[in-house]
Amino acid sequence: MNWDDVRIFLAVARNGQILGASKALGLNHATVARRLSALEQAIGSRLFMRRTNGTELTAQGEQFLIHAEAMESAGLAAAEAVDADSEIEGIVRIGAPDGFGVAFLAPRLHELVERHPLLRIELVPVPRAFSLSRREADIAVTLERPREGRLVARKLTDYSLGLYASRAYLDRHGTPASLDDLRSHRLVGYVEDLLYTASLDYTAAFSTEWRSQIAVSSAMGQTEAVRWGAGIGILHAFMAGRDDNLVRILPEHALKRSYWTVLHEDFRTMKRVTVVSDFLSEIVARERFAF
């Protein structure tokens, strides 16, 4: 069995289509399709159902995926063992919620690459969930601890959210004295049907009658909207608390959430990944009062 064919199989399984796998691998579509056929012939089983809109693993393909990932893990472990004394180098992709990724992590990444000049960091700070099993990221910062899968998680930090408005908005509309007063104000919140986890559905913690007149699908977007006078929003304290233009409203009402660092089990001993994971814990601990 050719390992390169197994590598192609993994790429197709994770992308769900031959075209996506071919782009990820830097190969043309015909080559990927031919190598898949060669692997299926060598194994003697059909691994994918090929459809016009993508591919789907067969029952045999699901079984083979388990062994293919074990082969990949063994290869990664062997490379790490041989390279034990080498410098930290290579690419590490971090998937993170946009608020944490853009407002907190991005300004601090230079510290990491200054320590390890051969390391390349890819930060994907978007409001979505990341699949570590599909290798969409090497490290994911998540809002919930995963309960299944071959994943290793540790709590990164708790963080708080509160009600904020701009000084200009409060000058025009007044400051609410209670949560009931929110009903007479313009509110900023999430696009509800785009919430990718229940942890983001927190408006009810402040008002069961919360109705967002302006809805933005990212934490950064909500913060900017509130900062420019759009209304009252529920913002991350580590982002809004450092902006002199934003005023905390009803500070006795706050909400706590948590960030988790999650790795695929295969990567828990990979030096470049553990170095980055440890760096995340380090900078958060250093600035824990911001959260």
C-alpha atoms as a PDB file:
ATOM      1  CA  MET A   1       0.000   0.000   0.000  1.00  0.00           C
ATOM      2  CA  ASN A   2       1.315   3.421  -1.015  1.00  0.00           C
ATOM      3  CA  TRP A   3       1.356   5.947   1.875  1.00  0.00           C
ATOM      4  CA  ASP A   4       0.865   8.842  -0.543  1.00  0.00           C
ATOM      5  CA  ASP A   5      -2.424   7.224  -1.606  1.00  0.00           C
ATOM      6  CA  VAL A   6      -3.471   7.001   2.063  1.00  0.00           C
ATOM      7  CA  ARG A   7      -2.598  10.681   2.488  1.00  0.00           C
ATOM      8  CA  ILE A   8      -4.842  11.494  -0.479  1.00  0.00           C
ATOM      9  CA  PHE A   9      -7.613   9.355   1.008  1.00  0.00           C
ATOM     10  CA  LEU A  10      -7.409  11.360   4.262  1.00  0.00           C
ATOM     11  CA  ALA A  11      -7.580  14.655   2.392  1.00  0.00           C
ATOM     12  CA  VAL A  12     -10.703  13.580   0.491  1.00  0.00           C
ATOM     13  CA  ALA A  13     -12.330  12.209   3.649  1.00  0.00           C
ATOM     14  CA  ARG A  14     -11.717  15.495   5.463  1.00  0.00           C
ATOM     15  CA  ASN A  15     -12.756  17.776   2.611  1.00  0.00           C
ATOM     16  CA  GLY A  16     -15.781  15.736   1.559  1.00  0.00           C
ATOM     17  CA  GLN A  17     -14.912  16.218  -2.113  1.00  0.00           C
ATOM     18  CA  ILE A  18     -12.139  15.414  -4.550  1.00  0.00           C
ATOM     19  CA  LEU A  19     -11.872  18.997  -5.802  1.00  0.00           C
ATOM     20  CA  GLY A  20     -11.329  20.415  -2.317  1.00  0.00           C
ATOM     21  CA  ALA A  21      -8.743  17.738  -1.546  1.00  0.00           C
ATOM     22  CA  SER A  22      -6.887  18.390  -4.786  1.00  0.00           C
ATOM     23  CA  LYS A  23      -6.607  22.105  -3.949  1.00  0.00           C
ATOM     24  CA  ALA A  24      -5.400  21.339  -0.428  1.00  0.00           C
ATOM     25  CA  LEU A  25      -2.790  18.895  -1.714  1.00  0.00           C
ATOM     26  CA  GLY A  26      -1.678  20.962  -4.703  1.00  0.00           C
ATOM     27  CA  LEU A  27      -2.602  18.176  -7.119  1.00  0.00           C
ATOM     28  CA  ASN A  28      -4.974  18.185 -10.054  1.00  0.00           C
ATOM     29  CA  HIS A  29      -8.412  16.621  -9.828  1.00  0.00           C
ATOM     30  CA  ALA A  30      -7.636  13.763 -12.190  1.00  0.00           C
ATOM     31  CA  THR A  31      -4.540  12.730 -10.221  1.00  0.00           C
ATOM     32  CA  VAL A  32      -6.453  12.600  -6.942  1.00  0.00           C
ATOM     33  CA  ALA A  33      -9.272  10.562  -8.514  1.00  0.00           C
ATOM     34  CA  ARG A  34      -6.781   8.139 -10.111  1.00  0.00           C
ATOM     35  CA  ARG A  35      -4.846   7.636  -6.877  1.00  0.00           C
ATOM     36  CA  LEU A  36      -8.059   6.986  -4.958  1.00  0.00           C
ATOM     37  CA  SER A  37      -9.030   4.347  -7.474  1.00  0.00           C
ATOM     38  CA  ALA A  38      -5.580   2.758  -7.136  1.00  0.00           C
ATOM     39  CA  LEU A  39      -5.968   2.622  -3.352  1.00  0.00           C
ATOM     40  CA  GLU A  40      -9.422   1.068  -3.590  1.00  0.00           C
ATOM     41  CA  GLN A  41      -8.078  -1.510  -6.004  1.00  0.00           C
ATOM     42  CA  ALA A  42      -5.128  -2.308  -3.710  1.00  0.00           C
ATOM     43  CA  ILE A  43      -7.443  -2.739  -0.719  1.00  0.00           C
ATOM     44  CA  GLY A  44     -10.161  -4.518  -2.643  1.00  0.00           C
ATOM     45  CA  SER A  45     -12.960  -2.327  -1.243  1.00  0.00           C
ATOM     46  CA  ARG A  46     -14.854   0.745  -2.330  1.00  0.00           C
ATOM     47  CA  LEU A  47     -13.996   3.564   0.087  1.00  0.00           C
ATOM     48  CA  PHE A  48     -16.160   6.422  -1.252  1.00  0.00           C
ATOM     49  CA  MET A  49     -19.503   6.943  -2.875  1.00  0.00           C
ATOM     50  CA  ARG A  50     -18.734   9.575  -5.490  1.00  0.00           C
ATOM     51  CA  ARG A  51     -21.569  11.995  -6.132  1.00  0.00           C
ATOM     52  CA  THR A  52     -21.946  15.140  -8.203  1.00  0.00           C
ATOM     53  CA  ASN A  53     -21.822  17.331  -5.086  1.00  0.00           C
ATOM     54  CA  GLY A  54     -18.968  15.537  -3.304  1.00  0.00           C
ATOM     55  CA  THR A  55     -17.961  12.233  -1.762  1.00  0.00           C
ATOM     56  CA  GLU A  56     -19.293  10.135   1.102  1.00  0.00           C
ATOM     57  CA  LEU A  57     -17.392   7.437   2.954  1.00  0.00           C
ATOM     58  CA  THR A  58     -18.746   3.915   2.591  1.00  0.00           C
ATOM     59  CA  ALA A  59     -18.889   1.593   5.602  1.00  0.00           C
ATOM     60  CA  GLN A  60     -15.520   0.203   4.480  1.00  0.00           C
ATOM     61  CA  GLY A  61     -14.239   3.739   4.109  1.00  0.00           C
ATOM     62  CA  GLU A  62     -15.266   4.594   7.670  1.00  0.00           C
ATOM     63  CA  GLN A  63     -13.333   1.579   8.920  1.00  0.00           C
ATOM     64  CA  PHE A  64     -10.298   2.395   6.811  1.00  0.00           C
ATOM     65  CA  LEU A  65     -10.346   5.996   8.074  1.00  0.00           C
ATOM     66  CA  ILE A  66      -9.639   4.775  11.613  1.00  0.00           C
ATOM     67  CA  HIS A  67      -6.545   2.895  10.450  1.00  0.00           C
ATOM     68  CA  ALA A  68      -5.429   5.672   8.083  1.00  0.00           C
ATOM     69  CA  GLU A  69      -5.493   8.219  10.924  1.00  0.00           C
ATOM     70  CA  ALA A  70      -3.538   5.786  13.111  1.00  0.00           C
ATOM     71  CA  MET A  71      -0.912   5.538  10.348  1.00  0.00           C
ATOM     72  CA  GLU A  72      -0.783   9.323  10.118  1.00  0.00           C
ATOM     73  CA  SER A  73      -0.405   9.630  13.893  1.00  0.00           C
ATOM     74  CA  ALA A  74       2.416   7.079  13.939  1.00  0.00           C
ATOM     75  CA  GLY A  75       4.210   9.003  11.204  1.00  0.00           C
ATOM     76  CA  LEU A  76       3.877  12.286  13.075  1.00  0.00           C
ATOM     77  CA  ALA A  77       5.126  10.701  16.290  1.00  0.00           C
ATOM     78  CA  ALA A  78       8.107   9.151  14.519  1.00  0.00           C
ATOM     79  CA  ALA A  79       9.055  12.471  12.953  1.00  0.00           C
ATOM     80  CA  GLU A  80       8.871  14.190  16.331  1.00  0.00           C
ATOM     81  CA  ALA A  81      11.047  11.531  17.971  1.00  0.00           C
ATOM     82  CA  VAL A  82      13.735  11.770  15.294  1.00  0.00           C
ATOM     83  CA  ASP A  83      13.620  15.574  15.409  1.00  0.00           C
ATOM     84  CA  ALA A  84      13.659  15.840  19.207  1.00  0.00           C
ATOM     85  CA  ASP A  85      16.555  18.305  19.408  1.00  0.00           C
ATOM     86  CA  SER A  86      15.680  20.440  16.398  1.00  0.00           C
ATOM     87  CA  GLU A  87      14.370  23.997  16.428  1.00  0.00           C
ATOM     88  CA  ILE A  88      10.648  24.644  16.548  1.00  0.00           C
ATOM     89  CA  GLU A  89       9.547  25.104  12.963  1.00  0.00           C
ATOM     90  CA  GLY A  90       6.614  24.546  10.647  1.00  0.00           C
ATOM     91  CA  ILE A  91       3.047  25.794  10.410  1.00  0.00           C
ATOM     92  CA  VAL A  92       0.522  25.854  13.223  1.00  0.00           C
ATOM     93  CA  ARG A  93      -3.021  26.949  12.440  1.00  0.00           C
ATOM     94  CA  ILE A  94      -5.132  28.373  15.269  1.00  0.00           C
ATOM     95  CA  GLY A  95      -8.891  28.576  14.938  1.00  0.00           C
ATOM     96  CA  ALA A  96     -10.461  31.016  17.374  1.00  0.00           C
ATOM     97  CA  PRO A  97     -13.614  33.064  17.944  1.00  0.00           C
ATOM     98  CA  ASP A  98     -13.196  36.414  16.248  1.00  0.00           C
ATOM     99  CA  GLY A  99     -13.203  38.503  19.427  1.00  0.00           C
ATOM    100  CA  PHE A 100     -10.476  36.515  21.148  1.00  0.00           C
ATOM    101  CA  GLY A 101      -8.554  35.941  17.922  1.00  0.00           C
ATOM    102  CA  VAL A 102      -8.519  39.520  16.633  1.00  0.00           C
ATOM    103  CA  ALA A 103      -8.740  41.659  19.763  1.00  0.00           C
ATOM    104  CA  PHE A 104      -6.513  39.630  22.070  1.00  0.00           C
ATOM    105  CA  LEU A 105      -4.390  37.041  20.277  1.00  0.00           C
ATOM    106  CA  ALA A 106      -3.370  38.731  17.013  1.00  0.00           C
ATOM    107  CA  PRO A 107      -1.552  41.682  18.688  1.00  0.00           C
ATOM    108  CA  ARG A 108       0.539  39.251  20.759  1.00  0.00           C
ATOM    109  CA  LEU A 109       1.597  36.694  18.152  1.00  0.00           C
ATOM    110  CA  HIS A 110       4.793  38.574  17.390  1.00  0.00           C
ATOM    111  CA  GLU A 111       6.139  37.455  20.765  1.00  0.00           C
ATOM    112  CA  LEU A 112       5.815  33.835  19.712  1.00  0.00           C
ATOM    113  CA  VAL A 113       7.558  34.130  16.347  1.00  0.00           C
ATOM    114  CA  GLU A 114      10.322  36.248  17.884  1.00  0.00           C
ATOM    115  CA  ARG A 115      11.073  33.292  20.159  1.00  0.00           C
ATOM    116  CA  HIS A 116      10.799  30.772  17.323  1.00  0.00           C
ATOM    117  CA  PRO A 117      11.756  32.438  14.021  1.00  0.00           C
ATOM    118  CA  LEU A 118      11.172  29.237  11.995  1.00  0.00           C
ATOM    119  CA  LEU A 119       7.599  28.936  13.226  1.00  0.00           C
ATOM    120  CA  ARG A 120       4.736  30.132  11.034  1.00  0.00           C
ATOM    121  CA  ILE A 121       1.383  30.915  12.618  1.00  0.00           C
ATOM    122  CA  GLU A 122      -1.906  30.888  10.707  1.00  0.00           C
ATOM    123  CA  LEU A 123      -4.671  32.538  12.718  1.00  0.00           C
ATOM    124  CA  VAL A 124      -8.230  32.006  11.540  1.00  0.00           C
ATOM    125  CA  PRO A 125     -10.339  34.297  13.740  1.00  0.00           C
ATOM    126  CA  VAL A 126     -13.914  33.828  12.547  1.00  0.00           C
ATOM    127  CA  PRO A 127     -17.255  33.219  14.298  1.00  0.00           C
ATOM    128  CA  ARG A 128     -17.553  29.487  13.611  1.00  0.00           C
ATOM    129  CA  ALA A 129     -16.632  26.069  14.960  1.00  0.00           C
ATOM    130  CA  PHE A 130     -13.518  24.238  13.750  1.00  0.00           C
ATOM    131  CA  SER A 131     -13.168  20.533  13.043  1.00  0.00           C
ATOM    132  CA  LEU A 132      -9.852  19.255  14.370  1.00  0.00           C
ATOM    133  CA  SER A 133     -10.512  15.775  13.005  1.00  0.00           C
ATOM    134  CA  ARG A 134     -10.747  17.277   9.511  1.00  0.00           C
ATOM    135  CA  ARG A 135      -7.507  19.217  10.204  1.00  0.00           C
ATOM    136  CA  GLU A 136      -9.186  22.602   9.705  1.00  0.00           C
ATOM    137  CA  ALA A 137      -6.983  23.786  12.564  1.00  0.00           C
ATOM    138  CA  ASP A 138      -4.179  22.364  14.704  1.00  0.00           C
ATOM    139  CA  ILE A 139      -5.419  24.197  17.803  1.00  0.00           C
ATOM    140  CA  ALA A 140      -8.949  25.438  18.392  1.00  0.00           C
ATOM    141  CA  VAL A 141     -10.013  27.958  20.995  1.00  0.00           C
ATOM    142  CA  THR A 142     -13.592  26.961  21.763  1.00  0.00           C
ATOM    143  CA  LEU A 143     -16.454  28.236  23.891  1.00  0.00           C
ATOM    144  CA  GLU A 144     -17.346  24.794  25.199  1.00  0.00           C
ATOM    145  CA  ARG A 145     -15.385  21.755  26.302  1.00  0.00           C
ATOM    146  CA  PRO A 146     -15.785  18.989  23.707  1.00  0.00           C
ATOM    147  CA  ARG A 147     -17.509  15.880  25.028  1.00  0.00           C
ATOM    148  CA  GLU A 148     -16.587  13.410  22.313  1.00  0.00           C
ATOM    149  CA  GLY A 149     -13.899  12.634  19.762  1.00  0.00           C
ATOM    150  CA  ARG A 150     -10.161  12.089  20.089  1.00  0.00           C
ATOM    151  CA  LEU A 151      -9.563  15.537  21.509  1.00  0.00           C
ATOM    152  CA  VAL A 152      -7.534  16.942  24.391  1.00  0.00           C
ATOM    153  CA  ALA A 153      -8.972  20.044  26.088  1.00  0.00           C
ATOM    154  CA  ARG A 154      -7.881  22.349  28.884  1.00  0.00           C
ATOM    155  CA  LYS A 155      -9.526  25.484  30.178  1.00  0.00           C
ATOM    156  CA  LEU A 156      -7.816  28.590  28.916  1.00  0.00           C
ATOM    157  CA  THR A 157      -9.708  31.167  30.980  1.00  0.00           C
ATOM    158  CA  ASP A 158     -13.084  32.343  32.169  1.00  0.00           C
ATOM    159  CA  TYR A 159     -14.223  35.662  30.757  1.00  0.00           C
ATOM    160  CA  SER A 160     -17.107  38.002  31.457  1.00  0.00           C
ATOM    161  CA  LEU A 161     -19.650  39.851  29.365  1.00  0.00           C
ATOM    162  CA  GLY A 162     -21.644  42.890  30.325  1.00  0.00           C
ATOM    163  CA  LEU A 163     -23.859  45.653  29.012  1.00  0.00           C
ATOM    164  CA  TYR A 164     -22.102  48.547  27.259  1.00  0.00           C
ATOM    165  CA  ALA A 165     -23.028  51.656  25.298  1.00  0.00           C
ATOM    166  CA  SER A 166     -21.093  54.552  23.853  1.00  0.00           C
ATOM    167  CA  ARG A 167     -20.910  57.856  25.698  1.00  0.00           C
ATOM    168  CA  ALA A 168     -22.572  59.544  22.732  1.00  0.00           C
ATOM    169  CA  TYR A 169     -25.518  57.134  22.801  1.00  0.00           C
ATOM    170  CA  LEU A 170     -26.052  57.630  26.536  1.00  0.00           C
ATOM    171  CA  ASP A 171     -25.855  61.404  26.156  1.00  0.00           C
ATOM    172  CA  ARG A 172     -28.693  61.226  23.615  1.00  0.00           C
ATOM    173  CA  HIS A 173     -30.881  58.521  25.146  1.00  0.00           C
ATOM    174  CA  GLY A 174     -30.024  58.422  28.838  1.00  0.00           C
ATOM    175  CA  THR A 175     -28.627  55.629  30.985  1.00  0.00           C
ATOM    176  CA  PRO A 176     -30.935  52.741  31.968  1.00  0.00           C
ATOM    177  CA  ALA A 177     -31.354  52.378  35.729  1.00  0.00           C
ATOM    178  CA  SER A 178     -32.555  48.763  35.585  1.00  0.00           C
ATOM    179  CA  LEU A 179     -32.808  45.813  33.227  1.00  0.00           C
ATOM    180  CA  ASP A 180     -36.488  46.673  32.661  1.00  0.00           C
ATOM    181  CA  ASP A 181     -35.369  50.011  31.198  1.00  0.00           C
ATOM    182  CA  LEU A 182     -33.646  48.160  28.332  1.00  0.00           C
ATOM    183  CA  ARG A 183     -37.051  47.805  26.676  1.00  0.00           C
ATOM    184  CA  SER A 184     -37.016  51.510  25.836  1.00  0.00           C
ATOM    185  CA  HIS A 185     -33.529  51.427  24.294  1.00  0.00           C
ATOM    186  CA  ARG A 186     -32.100  50.343  20.956  1.00  0.00           C
ATOM    187  CA  LEU A 187     -30.352  46.994  21.418  1.00  0.00           C
ATOM    188  CA  VAL A 188     -27.484  45.374  19.540  1.00  0.00           C
ATOM    189  CA  GLY A 189     -27.082  41.610  19.415  1.00  0.00           C
ATOM    190  CA  TYR A 190     -26.313  38.502  17.374  1.00  0.00           C
ATOM    191  CA  VAL A 191     -27.990  37.187  14.237  1.00  0.00           C
ATOM    192  CA  GLU A 192     -29.818  34.416  16.049  1.00  0.00           C
ATOM    193  CA  ASP A 193     -29.995  31.811  13.288  1.00  0.00           C
ATOM    194  CA  LEU A 194     -26.229  32.067  12.732  1.00  0.00           C
ATOM    195  CA  LEU A 195     -25.273  31.137  16.301  1.00  0.00           C
ATOM    196  CA  TYR A 196     -23.031  28.080  16.028  1.00  0.00           C
ATOM    197  CA  THR A 197     -23.121  27.183  19.732  1.00  0.00           C
ATOM    198  CA  ALA A 198     -25.591  27.607  22.583  1.00  0.00           C
ATOM    199  CA  SER A 199     -22.872  29.436  24.555  1.00  0.00           C
ATOM    200  CA  LEU A 200     -23.436  32.490  22.358  1.00  0.00           C
ATOM    201  CA  ASP A 201     -27.144  32.675  23.107  1.00  0.00           C
ATOM    202  CA  TYR A 202     -26.908  34.895  26.166  1.00  0.00           C
ATOM    203  CA  THR A 203     -29.385  37.732  25.701  1.00  0.00           C
ATOM    204  CA  ALA A 204     -31.971  36.010  27.918  1.00  0.00           C
ATOM    205  CA  ALA A 205     -29.541  36.294  30.846  1.00  0.00           C
ATOM    206  CA  PHE A 206     -30.137  40.062  30.718  1.00  0.00           C
ATOM    207  CA  SER A 207     -33.686  40.281  29.405  1.00  0.00           C
ATOM    208  CA  THR A 208     -36.255  37.688  28.327  1.00  0.00           C
ATOM    209  CA  GLU A 209     -37.683  40.386  26.056  1.00  0.00           C
ATOM    210  CA  TRP A 210     -34.402  41.278  24.349  1.00  0.00           C
ATOM    211  CA  ARG A 211     -35.027  42.245  20.731  1.00  0.00           C
ATOM    212  CA  SER A 212     -31.997  43.296  18.709  1.00  0.00           C
ATOM    213  CA  GLN A 213     -32.798  46.169  16.382  1.00  0.00           C
ATOM    214  CA  ILE A 214     -29.271  45.835  15.010  1.00  0.00           C
ATOM    215  CA  ALA A 215     -27.876  42.303  14.746  1.00  0.00           C
ATOM    216  CA  VAL A 216     -24.250  41.567  13.860  1.00  0.00           C
ATOM    217  CA  SER A 217     -22.890  38.042  13.445  1.00  0.00           C
ATOM    218  CA  SER A 218     -19.502  38.637  15.082  1.00  0.00           C
ATOM    219  CA  ALA A 219     -18.291  39.872  18.462  1.00  0.00           C
ATOM    220  CA  MET A 220     -15.949  42.371  16.828  1.00  0.00           C
ATOM    221  CA  GLY A 221     -18.775  43.712  14.684  1.00  0.00           C
ATOM    222  CA  GLN A 222     -21.067  44.140  17.674  1.00  0.00           C
ATOM    223  CA  THR A 223     -18.353  45.980  19.595  1.00  0.00           C
ATOM    224  CA  GLU A 224     -17.772  48.379  16.704  1.00  0.00           C
ATOM    225  CA  ALA A 225     -21.499  48.987  16.250  1.00  0.00           C
ATOM    226  CA  VAL A 226     -21.937  49.821  19.934  1.00  0.00           C
ATOM    227  CA  ARG A 227     -18.810  51.966  19.964  1.00  0.00           C
ATOM    228  CA  TRP A 228     -20.242  54.109  17.171  1.00  0.00           C
ATOM    229  CA  GLY A 229     -23.534  54.676  18.938  1.00  0.00           C
ATOM    230  CA  ALA A 230     -25.756  51.925  17.544  1.00  0.00           C
ATOM    231  CA  GLY A 231     -27.240  51.123  20.928  1.00  0.00           C
ATOM    232  CA  ILE A 232     -26.693  48.939  23.996  1.00  0.00           C
ATOM    233  CA  GLY A 233     -24.961  45.611  23.516  1.00  0.00           C
ATOM    234  CA  ILE A 234     -23.655  42.641  25.484  1.00  0.00           C
ATOM    235  CA  LEU A 235     -19.915  42.860  24.961  1.00  0.00           C
ATOM    236  CA  HIS A 236     -16.804  41.014  26.090  1.00  0.00           C
ATOM    237  CA  ALA A 237     -15.242  42.878  28.997  1.00  0.00           C
ATOM    238  CA  PHE A 238     -11.682  42.200  27.794  1.00  0.00           C
ATOM    239  CA  MET A 239     -12.527  44.030  24.556  1.00  0.00           C
ATOM    240  CA  ALA A 240     -14.892  46.770  25.689  1.00  0.00           C
ATOM    241  CA  GLY A 241     -13.218  47.497  29.009  1.00  0.00           C
ATOM    242  CA  ARG A 242     -10.156  49.028  27.395  1.00  0.00           C
ATOM    243  CA  ASP A 243     -12.138  51.466  25.207  1.00  0.00           C
ATOM    244  CA  ASP A 244     -12.673  54.852  26.890  1.00  0.00           C
ATOM    245  CA  ASN A 245     -15.570  55.549  24.545  1.00  0.00           C
ATOM    246  CA  LEU A 246     -17.574  52.619  25.946  1.00  0.00           C
ATOM    247  CA  VAL A 247     -19.410  52.794  29.273  1.00  0.00           C
ATOM    248  CA  ARG A 248     -20.348  49.760  31.361  1.00  0.00           C
ATOM    249  CA  ILE A 249     -24.062  49.822  32.191  1.00  0.00           C
ATOM    250  CA  LEU A 250     -25.577  48.056  35.203  1.00  0.00           C
ATOM    251  CA  PRO A 251     -22.250  46.458  36.142  1.00  0.00           C
ATOM    252  CA  GLU A 252     -23.927  44.325  38.802  1.00  0.00           C
ATOM    253  CA  HIS A 253     -25.346  42.277  35.920  1.00  0.00           C
ATOM    254  CA  ALA A 254     -22.680  40.181  34.239  1.00  0.00           C
ATOM    255  CA  LEU A 255     -22.345  36.836  32.528  1.00  0.00           C
ATOM    256  CA  LYS A 256     -19.456  34.387  32.720  1.00  0.00           C
ATOM    257  CA  ARG A 257     -18.277  32.134  29.911  1.00  0.00           C
ATOM    258  CA  SER A 258     -15.104  30.117  29.305  1.00  0.00           C
ATOM    259  CA  TYR A 259     -12.531  29.596  26.574  1.00  0.00           C
ATOM    260  CA  TRP A 260     -10.963  26.164  26.070  1.00  0.00           C
ATOM    261  CA  THR A 261      -7.842  25.166  24.175  1.00  0.00           C
ATOM    262  CA  VAL A 262      -8.477  21.997  22.208  1.00  0.00           C
ATOM    263  CA  LEU A 263      -5.988  19.791  20.345  1.00  0.00           C
ATOM    264  CA  HIS A 264      -6.443  16.606  18.404  1.00  0.00           C
ATOM    265  CA  GLU A 265      -5.026  13.690  20.357  1.00  0.00           C
ATOM    266  CA  ASP A 266      -2.521  13.048  17.541  1.00  0.00           C
ATOM    267  CA  PHE A 267      -0.941  16.477  18.111  1.00  0.00           C
ATOM    268  CA  ARG A 268      -0.552  16.449  21.887  1.00  0.00           C
ATOM    269  CA  THR A 269       3.151  15.512  21.626  1.00  0.00           C
ATOM    270  CA  MET A 270       3.950  17.548  18.507  1.00  0.00           C
ATOM    271  CA  LYS A 271       6.442  20.179  19.636  1.00  0.00           C
ATOM    272  CA  ARG A 272       5.341  23.070  17.485  1.00  0.00           C
ATOM    273  CA  VAL A 273       1.704  22.576  18.472  1.00  0.00           C
ATOM    274  CA  THR A 274       2.389  22.228  22.195  1.00  0.00           C
ATOM    275  CA  VAL A 275       4.651  25.305  22.100  1.00  0.00           C
ATOM    276  CA  VAL A 276       1.802  27.361  20.641  1.00  0.00           C
ATOM    277  CA  SER A 277      -0.746  25.895  23.052  1.00  0.00           C
ATOM    278  CA  ASP A 278       1.506  26.719  26.005  1.00  0.00           C
ATOM    279  CA  PHE A 279       1.972  30.244  24.650  1.00  0.00           C
ATOM    280  CA  LEU A 280      -1.800  30.784  24.639  1.00  0.00           C
ATOM    281  CA  SER A 281      -1.989  29.727  28.286  1.00  0.00           C
ATOM    282  CA  GLU A 282       0.969  31.949  29.148  1.00  0.00           C
ATOM    283  CA  ILE A 283      -0.372  35.183  27.686  1.00  0.00           C
ATOM    284  CA  VAL A 284      -3.856  34.647  29.073  1.00  0.00           C
ATOM    285  CA  ALA A 285      -2.471  33.972  32.567  1.00  0.00           C
ATOM    286  CA  ARG A 286      -0.264  37.040  32.283  1.00  0.00           C
ATOM    287  CA  GLU A 287      -3.253  39.257  31.476  1.00  0.00           C
ATOM    288  CA  ARG A 288      -5.888  37.369  33.439  1.00  0.00           C
ATOM    289  CA  PHE A 289      -7.257  40.555  35.038  1.00  0.00           C
ATOM    290  CA  ALA A 290      -8.409  41.749  31.609  1.00  0.00           C
ATOM    291  CA  PHE A 291     -10.818  38.837  31.439  1.00  0.00           C
END
